[in-house]
């Protein structure tokens, strides 16, 4: 009976752990601001977590970013002004979709460059293979006669 009580206590404690999670609620003047908050918090990356947006992260920096986002929305700032502020303060890394500029140009062009490079290597290797002498081997008359003899000899053995 005592063992059962210990297991029950363990399950209660494990089940209650989500109750300790911090849930932030912000009041907005209208539904449009709430929608903009949700959109921007989903598009801004947490600088600490790296693969989470600030809406999903429990890191203290993400909490600060959400509070700053709320303050700026309530102050009437545009989405562009808010994103510019976040980028100025935390760098391009804070954006899931970095802007097109000299620094991020390679990031945006890399998939196209690698695709073109892969196609060029494929075409070059196929051309080299078709141009090789092994691919165009032509048997001499003597070799053809010998091959026919070998093949004919095998048919007679069966």
C-alpha atoms as a PDB file:
ATOM      1  CA  UNK A   1       0.000   0.000   0.000  1.00  0.00           C
ATOM      2  CA  UNK A   2       2.864   2.366   0.810  1.00  0.00           C
ATOM      3  CA  UNK A   3       4.467   1.692  -2.593  1.00  0.00           C
ATOM      4  CA  UNK A   4       1.192   2.545  -4.317  1.00  0.00           C
ATOM      5  CA  UNK A   5       1.033   5.862  -2.437  1.00  0.00           C
ATOM      6  CA  UNK A   6       4.570   6.725  -3.606  1.00  0.00           C
ATOM      7  CA  UNK A   7       3.696   6.001  -7.247  1.00  0.00           C
ATOM      8  CA  UNK A   8       0.519   8.030  -6.946  1.00  0.00           C
ATOM      9  CA  UNK A   9       2.446  10.982  -5.513  1.00  0.00           C
ATOM     10  CA  UNK A  10       5.002  10.716  -8.344  1.00  0.00           C
ATOM     11  CA  UNK A  11       2.271  10.740 -11.008  1.00  0.00           C
ATOM     12  CA  UNK A  12       0.561  13.730  -9.394  1.00  0.00           C
ATOM     13  CA  UNK A  13       3.828  15.685  -9.295  1.00  0.00           C
ATOM     14  CA  UNK A  14       4.691  14.822 -12.901  1.00  0.00           C
ATOM     15  CA  UNK A  15       1.202  15.716 -14.055  1.00  0.00           C
ATOM     16  CA  UNK A  16       1.260  19.033 -12.201  1.00  0.00           C
ATOM     17  CA  UNK A  17       4.561  20.201 -13.733  1.00  0.00           C
ATOM     18  CA  UNK A  18       2.865  21.911 -16.731  1.00  0.00           C
ATOM     19  CA  UNK A  19       0.943  24.000 -14.203  1.00  0.00           C
ATOM     20  CA  UNK A  20       4.202  25.753 -13.349  1.00  0.00           C
ATOM     21  CA  UNK A  21       4.680  26.950 -16.954  1.00  0.00           C
ATOM     22  CA  UNK A  22       4.460  30.699 -17.485  1.00  0.00           C
ATOM     23  CA  UNK A  23       1.558  31.821 -19.618  1.00  0.00           C
ATOM     24  CA  UNK A  24       1.741  35.429 -20.692  1.00  0.00           C
ATOM     25  CA  UNK A  25      -1.405  37.261 -21.611  1.00  0.00           C
ATOM     26  CA  UNK A  26      -1.423  40.701 -23.110  1.00  0.00           C
ATOM     27  CA  UNK A  27      -4.420  42.947 -23.530  1.00  0.00           C
ATOM     28  CA  UNK A  28      -4.808  44.594 -26.905  1.00  0.00           C
ATOM     29  CA  UNK A  29      -7.014  47.474 -27.923  1.00  0.00           C
ATOM     30  CA  UNK A  30      -8.487  45.522 -30.838  1.00  0.00           C
ATOM     31  CA  UNK A  31      -8.365  42.180 -32.602  1.00  0.00           C
ATOM     32  CA  UNK A  32      -6.173  43.554 -35.386  1.00  0.00           C
ATOM     33  CA  UNK A  33      -3.347  44.238 -32.924  1.00  0.00           C
ATOM     34  CA  UNK A  34      -3.741  40.741 -31.478  1.00  0.00           C
ATOM     35  CA  UNK A  35      -3.523  39.229 -34.967  1.00  0.00           C
ATOM     36  CA  UNK A  36      -0.403  41.303 -35.750  1.00  0.00           C
ATOM     37  CA  UNK A  37       1.136  40.245 -32.416  1.00  0.00           C
ATOM     38  CA  UNK A  38       0.528  36.573 -33.160  1.00  0.00           C
ATOM     39  CA  UNK A  39       1.896  36.901 -36.701  1.00  0.00           C
ATOM     40  CA  UNK A  40       5.034  38.794 -35.679  1.00  0.00           C
ATOM     41  CA  UNK A  41       5.748  36.583 -32.666  1.00  0.00           C
ATOM     42  CA  UNK A  42       5.538  33.544 -34.948  1.00  0.00           C
ATOM     43  CA  UNK A  43       7.933  35.107 -37.502  1.00  0.00           C
ATOM     44  CA  UNK A  44      10.590  36.333 -35.068  1.00  0.00           C
ATOM     45  CA  UNK A  45      13.197  33.786 -33.966  1.00  0.00           C
ATOM     46  CA  UNK A  46      14.333  33.449 -30.375  1.00  0.00           C
ATOM     47  CA  UNK A  47      18.029  34.455 -30.222  1.00  0.00           C
ATOM     48  CA  UNK A  48      18.737  31.844 -27.560  1.00  0.00           C
ATOM     49  CA  UNK A  49      16.674  28.881 -28.769  1.00  0.00           C
ATOM     50  CA  UNK A  50      17.641  29.294 -32.440  1.00  0.00           C
ATOM     51  CA  UNK A  51      14.993  26.928 -33.821  1.00  0.00           C
ATOM     52  CA  UNK A  52      11.969  28.323 -32.016  1.00  0.00           C
ATOM     53  CA  UNK A  53      10.026  31.463 -32.576  1.00  0.00           C
ATOM     54  CA  UNK A  54       9.434  33.845 -29.696  1.00  0.00           C
ATOM     55  CA  UNK A  55       5.816  32.690 -29.425  1.00  0.00           C
ATOM     56  CA  UNK A  56       6.865  29.130 -28.552  1.00  0.00           C
ATOM     57  CA  UNK A  57       9.996  29.809 -26.514  1.00  0.00           C
ATOM     58  CA  UNK A  58      10.088  29.978 -22.714  1.00  0.00           C
ATOM     59  CA  UNK A  59      13.552  31.560 -22.665  1.00  0.00           C
ATOM     60  CA  UNK A  60      13.812  34.844 -20.737  1.00  0.00           C
ATOM     61  CA  UNK A  61      15.001  36.673 -23.867  1.00  0.00           C
ATOM     62  CA  UNK A  62      11.892  35.480 -25.722  1.00  0.00           C
ATOM     63  CA  UNK A  63       9.720  36.803 -22.890  1.00  0.00           C
ATOM     64  CA  UNK A  64      11.476  40.167 -23.204  1.00  0.00           C
ATOM     65  CA  UNK A  65      10.974  40.160 -26.980  1.00  0.00           C
ATOM     66  CA  UNK A  66       7.270  39.393 -26.594  1.00  0.00           C
ATOM     67  CA  UNK A  67       6.899  42.218 -24.062  1.00  0.00           C
ATOM     68  CA  UNK A  68       8.772  44.614 -26.367  1.00  0.00           C
ATOM     69  CA  UNK A  69       6.596  43.505 -29.286  1.00  0.00           C
ATOM     70  CA  UNK A  70       3.462  44.190 -27.231  1.00  0.00           C
ATOM     71  CA  UNK A  71       4.718  47.636 -26.175  1.00  0.00           C
ATOM     72  CA  UNK A  72       5.555  48.620 -29.735  1.00  0.00           C
ATOM     73  CA  UNK A  73       2.214  47.416 -31.092  1.00  0.00           C
ATOM     74  CA  UNK A  74       0.376  49.334 -28.392  1.00  0.00           C
ATOM     75  CA  UNK A  75       2.468  52.416 -29.280  1.00  0.00           C
ATOM     76  CA  UNK A  76       1.136  52.210 -32.844  1.00  0.00           C
ATOM     77  CA  UNK A  77       4.346  51.190 -34.603  1.00  0.00           C
ATOM     78  CA  UNK A  78       4.114  49.515 -37.998  1.00  0.00           C
ATOM     79  CA  UNK A  79       5.204  45.921 -38.589  1.00  0.00           C
ATOM     80  CA  UNK A  80       8.200  47.169 -40.577  1.00  0.00           C
ATOM     81  CA  UNK A  81       9.302  49.496 -37.789  1.00  0.00           C
ATOM     82  CA  UNK A  82       9.031  46.689 -35.231  1.00  0.00           C
ATOM     83  CA  UNK A  83      10.987  44.251 -37.388  1.00  0.00           C
ATOM     84  CA  UNK A  84      13.610  46.924 -38.108  1.00  0.00           C
ATOM     85  CA  UNK A  85      14.012  47.522 -34.381  1.00  0.00           C
ATOM     86  CA  UNK A  86      14.391  43.783 -33.662  1.00  0.00           C
ATOM     87  CA  UNK A  87      16.926  43.357 -36.483  1.00  0.00           C
ATOM     88  CA  UNK A  88      18.886  46.410 -35.367  1.00  0.00           C
ATOM     89  CA  UNK A  89      19.038  45.095 -31.827  1.00  0.00           C
ATOM     90  CA  UNK A  90      19.493  41.335 -32.419  1.00  0.00           C
ATOM     91  CA  UNK A  91      20.707  41.065 -36.022  1.00  0.00           C
ATOM     92  CA  UNK A  92      19.291  39.343 -39.111  1.00  0.00           C
ATOM     93  CA  UNK A  93      19.289  36.070 -37.200  1.00  0.00           C
ATOM     94  CA  UNK A  94      16.075  37.090 -35.455  1.00  0.00           C
ATOM     95  CA  UNK A  95      14.210  36.738 -38.788  1.00  0.00           C
ATOM     96  CA  UNK A  96      13.165  33.326 -40.061  1.00  0.00           C
ATOM     97  CA  UNK A  97      13.108  34.761 -43.577  1.00  0.00           C
ATOM     98  CA  UNK A  98      16.126  37.071 -43.847  1.00  0.00           C
ATOM     99  CA  UNK A  99      15.857  40.108 -46.080  1.00  0.00           C
ATOM    100  CA  UNK A 100      17.609  40.340 -49.448  1.00  0.00           C
ATOM    101  CA  UNK A 101      20.827  42.321 -49.051  1.00  0.00           C
ATOM    102  CA  UNK A 102      24.558  41.958 -49.683  1.00  0.00           C
ATOM    103  CA  UNK A 103      25.044  39.889 -46.542  1.00  0.00           C
ATOM    104  CA  UNK A 104      22.198  37.425 -47.164  1.00  0.00           C
ATOM    105  CA  UNK A 105      22.496  37.228 -50.954  1.00  0.00           C
ATOM    106  CA  UNK A 106      24.552  34.026 -50.797  1.00  0.00           C
ATOM    107  CA  UNK A 107      22.042  32.505 -48.385  1.00  0.00           C
ATOM    108  CA  UNK A 108      19.211  33.125 -50.841  1.00  0.00           C
ATOM    109  CA  UNK A 109      21.179  32.102 -53.947  1.00  0.00           C
ATOM    110  CA  UNK A 110      22.883  29.010 -52.487  1.00  0.00           C
ATOM    111  CA  UNK A 111      20.086  26.533 -53.396  1.00  0.00           C
ATOM    112  CA  UNK A 112      20.044  27.745 -57.022  1.00  0.00           C
ATOM    113  CA  UNK A 113      23.848  27.701 -57.234  1.00  0.00           C
ATOM    114  CA  UNK A 114      24.018  24.153 -55.876  1.00  0.00           C
ATOM    115  CA  UNK A 115      21.272  22.955 -58.248  1.00  0.00           C
ATOM    116  CA  UNK A 116      23.022  24.429 -61.302  1.00  0.00           C
ATOM    117  CA  UNK A 117      26.348  22.997 -60.127  1.00  0.00           C
ATOM    118  CA  UNK A 118      24.829  19.533 -59.636  1.00  0.00           C
ATOM    119  CA  UNK A 119      23.226  19.597 -63.092  1.00  0.00           C
ATOM    120  CA  UNK A 120      26.497  20.749 -64.673  1.00  0.00           C
ATOM    121  CA  UNK A 121      28.403  17.892 -62.983  1.00  0.00           C
ATOM    122  CA  UNK A 122      25.758  15.377 -64.097  1.00  0.00           C
ATOM    123  CA  UNK A 123      25.833  16.545 -67.723  1.00  0.00           C
ATOM    124  CA  UNK A 124      29.645  16.626 -67.768  1.00  0.00           C
ATOM    125  CA  UNK A 125      29.934  13.115 -66.358  1.00  0.00           C
ATOM    126  CA  UNK A 126      27.346  11.756 -68.832  1.00  0.00           C
ATOM    127  CA  UNK A 127      29.182  13.368 -71.764  1.00  0.00           C
ATOM    128  CA  UNK A 128      32.515  12.009 -70.580  1.00  0.00           C
ATOM    129  CA  UNK A 129      31.046   8.537 -70.171  1.00  0.00           C
ATOM    130  CA  UNK A 130      29.479   8.500 -73.648  1.00  0.00           C
ATOM    131  CA  UNK A 131      32.685   9.823 -75.236  1.00  0.00           C
ATOM    132  CA  UNK A 132      34.924   7.222 -73.587  1.00  0.00           C
ATOM    133  CA  UNK A 133      36.342   4.450 -75.777  1.00  0.00           C
ATOM    134  CA  UNK A 134      34.806   1.766 -73.587  1.00  0.00           C
ATOM    135  CA  UNK A 135      31.327   3.043 -74.391  1.00  0.00           C
ATOM    136  CA  UNK A 136      32.038   2.992 -78.136  1.00  0.00           C
ATOM    137  CA  UNK A 137      33.999  -0.227 -78.337  1.00  0.00           C
ATOM    138  CA  UNK A 138      33.861  -1.731 -81.783  1.00  0.00           C
ATOM    139  CA  UNK A 139      34.916  -5.324 -82.244  1.00  0.00           C
ATOM    140  CA  UNK A 140      37.261  -6.248 -84.996  1.00  0.00           C
ATOM    141  CA  UNK A 141      36.286  -8.995 -87.458  1.00  0.00           C
ATOM    142  CA  UNK A 142      38.596 -11.435 -85.685  1.00  0.00           C
ATOM    143  CA  UNK A 143      37.020 -10.620 -82.304  1.00  0.00           C
ATOM    144  CA  UNK A 144      33.505 -11.008 -83.741  1.00  0.00           C
ATOM    145  CA  UNK A 145      34.385 -14.424 -85.172  1.00  0.00           C
ATOM    146  CA  UNK A 146      35.899 -15.533 -81.893  1.00  0.00           C
ATOM    147  CA  UNK A 147      32.838 -14.243 -79.961  1.00  0.00           C
ATOM    148  CA  UNK A 148      30.463 -16.099 -82.284  1.00  0.00           C
ATOM    149  CA  UNK A 149      32.505 -19.248 -81.846  1.00  0.00           C
ATOM    150  CA  UNK A 150      32.359 -18.944 -78.069  1.00  0.00           C
ATOM    151  CA  UNK A 151      28.651 -18.178 -78.069  1.00  0.00           C
ATOM    152  CA  UNK A 152      27.900 -20.858 -80.614  1.00  0.00           C
ATOM    153  CA  UNK A 153      29.929 -23.374 -78.609  1.00  0.00           C
ATOM    154  CA  UNK A 154      27.914 -22.650 -75.471  1.00  0.00           C
ATOM    155  CA  UNK A 155      24.622 -23.188 -77.289  1.00  0.00           C
ATOM    156  CA  UNK A 156      25.802 -26.575 -78.541  1.00  0.00           C
ATOM    157  CA  UNK A 157      26.766 -27.704 -75.021  1.00  0.00           C
ATOM    158  CA  UNK A 158      23.233 -27.046 -73.665  1.00  0.00           C
END
